[in-house]
Amino acid sequence: MTQGIVMKATDAEGPQDVGRSLVIISGPSGVGKTTVARALPGRMDLALSVSATTRRPRPGEAEGVDYYFISREEFQRRISENRFVEWAEVFGQLYGTPVEELERARRLGKMMLLEIDVQGGIQIKRKFPEALAILMLAPDDKTLKARLAGRGTDPPEEVERRFAQAKEEIRMARESRCYDVEVVNDRLSAAVDAVVSLLQKRRKQA
């Protein structure tokens, strides 16, 4: 699995200054990180980072809201131009956080929430140690596998492959020691409340 990180500074601020405004939520497919992340702007005044991806839009997804959908050629061109803070290849598709997203958060003077995969979360945390990194988890393996199968769009062998990948991502996240806290998404409302509490504490410390 290909992965990369761009170490180019986005502005005159140092990594510590930028990092204080960054909140990372990541975890493997099936833990509900996207659902939790989408619920947060309604509870707190923060900016939600929009990633770029080479995968095709899913039904209901909007350009510039869910993702910036670009071609693989365009994505690779932007890599060569140092236009991603982090990027990774996941299940054959490229995902990355544009440098412009961090600049947008700085202009708005808000915390920036990055809902990204584990590879990207590790990269961001290593570049910006002051960022708050949250690892989202399912309550147990049985629930995780059921959520992956619940989409109803993948054959059993694909569900097993995604489950194995999810377990590997969790192992990678924990061994990296980059995540500050783990939040178990058993009930959505409780998981959102837990993350809101973490962000409120973070804001008071800023």
Protein backbone atom coordinates (compact mmCIF):
# COMPACT_ATOMS: atom_id res chain seq x y z
CA MET A 1 0.00 0.00 0.00
CA THR A 2 1.50 3.27 -1.13
CA GLN A 3 1.62 6.19 1.23
CA GLY A 4 3.36 9.55 1.38
CA ILE A 5 3.69 12.81 3.22
CA VAL A 6 4.53 16.30 2.08
CA MET A 7 6.63 18.23 4.58
CA LYS A 8 6.29 21.61 2.87
CA ALA A 9 5.20 24.39 5.25
CA THR A 10 1.91 26.01 4.26
CA ASP A 11 2.67 29.47 5.67
CA ALA A 12 4.85 31.36 8.14
CA GLU A 13 3.38 29.55 11.14
CA GLY A 14 5.34 26.67 12.61
CA PRO A 15 3.97 23.13 12.96
CA GLN A 16 3.11 23.71 16.62
CA ASP A 17 1.00 26.80 15.83
CA VAL A 18 -0.87 25.05 13.01
CA GLY A 19 -1.22 21.83 15.00
CA ARG A 20 -3.16 23.43 17.86
CA SER A 21 -6.04 24.09 15.48
CA LEU A 22 -6.16 20.56 14.02
CA VAL A 23 -8.38 17.70 15.20
CA ILE A 24 -8.00 14.31 13.52
CA ILE A 25 -10.73 11.67 13.53
CA SER A 26 -9.69 8.46 11.88
CA GLY A 27 -10.28 4.75 11.98
CA PRO A 28 -10.92 1.87 9.61
CA SER A 29 -13.94 1.46 7.36
CA GLY A 30 -17.06 0.49 9.28
CA VAL A 31 -16.46 2.33 12.57
CA GLY A 32 -18.73 5.26 11.70
CA LYS A 33 -16.12 8.02 11.70
CA THR A 34 -17.76 9.87 8.82
CA THR A 35 -21.17 9.85 10.50
CA VAL A 36 -19.68 11.15 13.74
CA ALA A 37 -17.64 13.82 11.94
CA ARG A 38 -20.68 15.07 9.97
CA ALA A 39 -22.62 15.50 13.22
CA LEU A 40 -20.01 17.73 14.85
CA PRO A 41 -20.43 21.04 12.94
CA GLY A 42 -24.03 21.17 14.19
CA ARG A 43 -22.76 21.02 17.77
CA MET A 44 -19.65 23.19 17.55
CA ASP A 45 -18.25 26.04 15.49
CA LEU A 46 -15.52 24.31 13.51
CA ALA A 47 -14.42 23.78 9.91
CA LEU A 48 -14.64 20.36 8.30
CA SER A 49 -11.72 19.55 6.02
CA VAL A 50 -12.62 18.23 2.56
CA SER A 51 -10.26 15.60 1.14
CA ALA A 52 -9.43 14.96 -2.51
CA THR A 53 -9.91 11.48 -3.94
CA THR A 54 -9.60 9.59 -7.19
CA ARG A 55 -12.61 7.36 -6.51
CA ARG A 56 -15.94 8.02 -8.19
CA PRO A 57 -18.71 9.81 -6.25
CA ARG A 58 -21.21 7.61 -4.47
CA PRO A 59 -24.95 8.36 -4.64
CA GLY A 60 -25.72 11.51 -2.70
CA GLU A 61 -22.12 12.76 -2.50
CA ALA A 62 -21.44 16.31 -3.63
CA GLU A 63 -18.29 17.85 -5.11
CA GLY A 64 -16.54 20.13 -2.62
CA VAL A 65 -18.76 18.96 0.25
CA ASP A 66 -17.93 15.27 0.67
CA TYR A 67 -14.75 15.19 -1.44
CA TYR A 68 -12.96 16.92 -4.27
CA PHE A 69 -13.25 14.27 -6.98
CA ILE A 70 -10.28 14.37 -9.35
CA SER A 71 -8.57 12.04 -11.81
CA ARG A 72 -5.58 9.92 -10.86
CA GLU A 73 -3.43 11.93 -13.26
CA GLU A 74 -4.50 15.19 -11.61
CA PHE A 75 -3.91 13.75 -8.15
CA GLN A 76 -0.39 12.65 -9.08
CA ARG A 77 0.31 16.05 -10.59
CA ARG A 78 -0.68 17.72 -7.32
CA ILE A 79 1.59 15.32 -5.40
CA SER A 80 4.50 16.44 -7.57
CA GLU A 81 3.59 20.06 -6.82
CA ASN A 82 3.55 19.49 -3.00
CA ARG A 83 -0.13 20.35 -2.80
CA PHE A 84 -1.10 17.72 -0.21
CA VAL A 85 -0.37 17.82 3.51
CA GLU A 86 -0.79 14.04 3.49
CA TRP A 87 -1.89 11.42 1.00
CA ALA A 88 -2.34 7.68 0.88
CA GLU A 89 -3.60 4.91 -1.35
CA VAL A 90 -6.47 2.91 0.17
CA PHE A 91 -8.15 0.00 -1.65
CA GLY A 92 -6.62 1.16 -4.92
CA GLN A 93 -7.82 4.77 -4.70
CA LEU A 94 -5.82 7.87 -3.72
CA TYR A 95 -6.95 10.16 -0.90
CA GLY A 96 -5.27 13.34 0.36
CA THR A 97 -5.69 16.53 2.37
CA PRO A 98 -5.07 19.62 0.22
CA VAL A 99 -2.76 22.27 1.68
CA GLU A 100 -5.52 24.80 0.97
CA GLU A 101 -7.74 23.19 3.62
CA LEU A 102 -5.32 24.13 6.42
CA GLU A 103 -5.03 27.62 5.01
CA ARG A 104 -8.85 27.88 4.97
CA ALA A 105 -9.05 26.97 8.66
CA ARG A 106 -6.41 29.56 9.52
CA ARG A 107 -8.31 32.27 7.64
CA LEU A 108 -11.55 31.35 9.40
CA GLY A 109 -9.84 31.23 12.80
CA LYS A 110 -11.53 27.91 13.59
CA MET A 111 -10.49 24.44 14.62
CA MET A 112 -10.16 22.24 11.54
CA LEU A 113 -11.60 18.72 11.73
CA LEU A 114 -9.86 16.19 9.48
CA GLU A 115 -11.84 12.96 9.01
CA ILE A 116 -9.21 10.79 7.35
CA ASP A 117 -7.90 7.22 7.23
CA VAL A 118 -5.36 5.87 9.71
CA GLN A 119 -2.40 6.32 7.34
CA GLY A 120 -3.26 9.98 6.89
CA GLY A 121 -3.90 10.50 10.59
CA ILE A 122 -0.46 9.16 11.47
CA GLN A 123 1.15 11.38 8.87
CA ILE A 124 -0.63 14.52 10.10
CA LYS A 125 0.16 13.78 13.76
CA ARG A 126 3.84 13.25 13.02
CA LYS A 127 4.00 16.50 11.10
CA PHE A 128 1.88 18.43 13.63
CA PRO A 129 2.47 16.84 17.08
CA GLU A 130 0.18 19.39 18.75
CA ALA A 131 -2.84 18.14 16.78
CA LEU A 132 -5.48 16.19 18.70
CA ALA A 133 -5.74 12.69 17.19
CA ILE A 134 -8.86 10.60 17.92
CA LEU A 135 -9.08 6.94 16.90
CA MET A 136 -12.67 5.83 16.28
CA LEU A 137 -13.45 2.16 16.94
CA ALA A 138 -16.37 -0.24 16.76
CA PRO A 139 -17.30 -1.85 20.11
CA ASP A 140 -16.05 -5.30 19.02
CA ASP A 141 -15.02 -7.40 16.01
CA LYS A 142 -18.50 -8.88 15.56
CA THR A 143 -20.07 -5.43 15.29
CA LEU A 144 -17.35 -4.20 12.95
CA LYS A 145 -17.83 -7.14 10.57
CA ALA A 146 -21.62 -6.73 10.68
CA ARG A 147 -21.29 -3.04 9.77
CA LEU A 148 -19.00 -3.86 6.86
CA ALA A 149 -21.44 -6.53 5.63
CA GLY A 150 -24.45 -4.31 6.27
CA ARG A 151 -23.75 -2.18 3.22
CA GLY A 152 -25.03 -5.06 1.10
CA THR A 153 -22.94 -4.07 -1.90
CA ASP A 154 -19.92 -6.35 -1.47
CA PRO A 155 -19.58 -10.15 -1.78
CA PRO A 156 -18.53 -12.08 1.38
CA GLU A 157 -14.90 -12.35 0.29
CA GLU A 158 -14.71 -8.57 -0.09
CA VAL A 159 -16.21 -8.11 3.38
CA GLU A 160 -13.55 -10.44 4.79
CA ARG A 161 -10.82 -8.50 2.99
CA ARG A 162 -12.08 -5.20 4.37
CA PHE A 163 -12.38 -6.69 7.86
CA ALA A 164 -8.77 -7.91 7.73
CA GLN A 165 -7.67 -4.48 6.50
CA ALA A 166 -9.62 -2.81 9.31
CA LYS A 167 -7.88 -4.96 11.92
CA GLU A 168 -4.51 -4.11 10.37
CA GLU A 169 -5.29 -0.38 10.47
CA ILE A 170 -6.22 -0.59 14.15
CA ARG A 171 -2.95 -2.40 14.87
CA MET A 172 -1.03 0.21 12.88
CA ALA A 173 -2.74 3.07 14.70
CA ARG A 174 -2.00 1.70 18.15
CA GLU A 175 1.58 0.75 17.40
CA SER A 176 2.26 4.22 15.98
CA ARG A 177 1.40 5.79 19.36
CA CYS A 178 0.16 8.80 17.41
CA TYR A 179 -3.41 8.75 18.70
CA ASP A 180 -4.20 10.65 21.87
CA VAL A 181 -7.53 8.98 22.66
CA GLU A 182 -9.82 6.19 21.47
CA VAL A 183 -13.59 6.64 21.18
CA VAL A 184 -15.81 3.56 20.83
CA ASN A 185 -18.80 4.16 18.56
CA ASP A 186 -21.39 1.87 20.15
CA ARG A 187 -24.26 4.37 20.19
CA LEU A 188 -23.90 7.28 17.77
CA SER A 189 -25.24 9.92 20.15
CA ALA A 190 -22.83 8.84 22.90
CA ALA A 191 -19.87 8.80 20.49
CA VAL A 192 -20.72 12.30 19.26
CA ASP A 193 -21.08 13.52 22.85
CA ALA A 194 -17.66 12.06 23.71
CA VAL A 195 -15.97 13.79 20.78
CA VAL A 196 -17.73 17.11 21.53
CA SER A 197 -16.43 16.90 25.12
CA LEU A 198 -12.89 16.33 23.85
CA LEU A 199 -13.13 19.29 21.47
CA GLN A 200 -14.55 21.59 24.14
CA LYS A 201 -11.66 20.71 26.43
CA ARG A 202 -9.27 21.30 23.54
CA ARG A 203 -10.76 24.72 22.86
CA LYS A 204 -10.35 25.77 26.49
CA GLN A 205 -6.67 24.81 26.33
CA ALA A 206 -6.03 26.81 23.15
